[in-house]
């Protein structure tokens, strides 16, 4: 039997006065893992200066 997955993509843009990007990413990772989501990939988008986080969890 193949497991079914739910997927979620979150984009964290760089903002001048919103605190360090790494701190904001850590907060998002902690929040999502508490909800049962597992990080499966990341993507840094240089021209948009943002990070996309890709998550999955069993459906």
C-alpha atoms as a PDB file:
ATOM      1  CA  UNK A   1       0.000   0.000   0.000  1.00  0.00           C
ATOM      2  CA  UNK A   2       1.357   3.409  -0.971  1.00  0.00           C
ATOM      3  CA  UNK A   3       1.073   6.115   1.666  1.00  0.00           C
ATOM      4  CA  UNK A   4      -0.749   9.297   0.707  1.00  0.00           C
ATOM      5  CA  UNK A   5       0.828  12.627   1.547  1.00  0.00           C
ATOM      6  CA  UNK A   6      -0.310  16.177   2.096  1.00  0.00           C
ATOM      7  CA  UNK A   7       2.146  18.825   0.924  1.00  0.00           C
ATOM      8  CA  UNK A   8       2.755  22.413   1.936  1.00  0.00           C
ATOM      9  CA  UNK A   9       5.033  25.109   0.505  1.00  0.00           C
ATOM     10  CA  UNK A  10       5.958  28.165   2.545  1.00  0.00           C
ATOM     11  CA  UNK A  11       7.879  31.124   1.181  1.00  0.00           C
ATOM     12  CA  UNK A  12       9.852  33.272   3.583  1.00  0.00           C
ATOM     13  CA  UNK A  13      10.887  36.550   1.955  1.00  0.00           C
ATOM     14  CA  UNK A  14      13.799  38.639   3.108  1.00  0.00           C
ATOM     15  CA  UNK A  15      12.568  41.754   4.891  1.00  0.00           C
ATOM     16  CA  UNK A  16      14.915  44.490   5.996  1.00  0.00           C
ATOM     17  CA  UNK A  17      13.429  45.034   9.460  1.00  0.00           C
ATOM     18  CA  UNK A  18      11.804  41.658  10.198  1.00  0.00           C
ATOM     19  CA  UNK A  19      14.778  40.130  12.003  1.00  0.00           C
ATOM     20  CA  UNK A  20      17.394  37.695  10.776  1.00  0.00           C
ATOM     21  CA  UNK A  21      16.202  35.396   8.004  1.00  0.00           C
ATOM     22  CA  UNK A  22      17.742  32.379   9.741  1.00  0.00           C
ATOM     23  CA  UNK A  23      15.753  33.130  12.917  1.00  0.00           C
ATOM     24  CA  UNK A  24      12.524  33.426  10.908  1.00  0.00           C
ATOM     25  CA  UNK A  25      13.261  30.130   9.125  1.00  0.00           C
ATOM     26  CA  UNK A  26      13.925  28.428  12.478  1.00  0.00           C
ATOM     27  CA  UNK A  27      10.615  29.716  13.864  1.00  0.00           C
ATOM     28  CA  UNK A  28       8.746  28.410  10.822  1.00  0.00           C
ATOM     29  CA  UNK A  29      10.465  25.008  11.048  1.00  0.00           C
ATOM     30  CA  UNK A  30       9.581  24.702  14.749  1.00  0.00           C
ATOM     31  CA  UNK A  31       5.962  25.700  14.096  1.00  0.00           C
ATOM     32  CA  UNK A  32       5.506  23.292  11.194  1.00  0.00           C
ATOM     33  CA  UNK A  33       7.137  20.336  12.948  1.00  0.00           C
ATOM     34  CA  UNK A  34       4.847  20.879  15.957  1.00  0.00           C
ATOM     35  CA  UNK A  35       1.927  20.475  13.501  1.00  0.00           C
ATOM     36  CA  UNK A  36       3.331  17.174  12.178  1.00  0.00           C
ATOM     37  CA  UNK A  37       4.930  18.473   8.973  1.00  0.00           C
ATOM     38  CA  UNK A  38       8.305  17.101   7.849  1.00  0.00           C
ATOM     39  CA  UNK A  39      10.721  19.296   5.877  1.00  0.00           C
ATOM     40  CA  UNK A  40      11.695  17.564   2.631  1.00  0.00           C
ATOM     41  CA  UNK A  41      13.427  20.305   0.645  1.00  0.00           C
ATOM     42  CA  UNK A  42      14.426  23.954   0.532  1.00  0.00           C
ATOM     43  CA  UNK A  43      15.015  26.374  -2.296  1.00  0.00           C
ATOM     44  CA  UNK A  44      16.806  29.729  -2.121  1.00  0.00           C
ATOM     45  CA  UNK A  45      15.482  32.103  -4.762  1.00  0.00           C
ATOM     46  CA  UNK A  46      18.233  34.616  -5.321  1.00  0.00           C
ATOM     47  CA  UNK A  47      16.441  37.079  -7.614  1.00  0.00           C
ATOM     48  CA  UNK A  48      13.491  37.258  -5.183  1.00  0.00           C
ATOM     49  CA  UNK A  49      15.705  36.989  -2.084  1.00  0.00           C
ATOM     50  CA  UNK A  50      13.491  34.444  -0.389  1.00  0.00           C
ATOM     51  CA  UNK A  51      13.548  30.856   0.827  1.00  0.00           C
ATOM     52  CA  UNK A  52      10.892  28.263   0.020  1.00  0.00           C
ATOM     53  CA  UNK A  53      10.362  25.393   2.421  1.00  0.00           C
ATOM     54  CA  UNK A  54       8.686  22.212   1.190  1.00  0.00           C
ATOM     55  CA  UNK A  55       6.931  19.992   3.728  1.00  0.00           C
ATOM     56  CA  UNK A  56       4.992  16.727   3.736  1.00  0.00           C
ATOM     57  CA  UNK A  57       2.936  14.735   6.220  1.00  0.00           C
ATOM     58  CA  UNK A  58       0.736  11.667   5.950  1.00  0.00           C
ATOM     59  CA  UNK A  59      -2.717  12.520   4.636  1.00  0.00           C
END
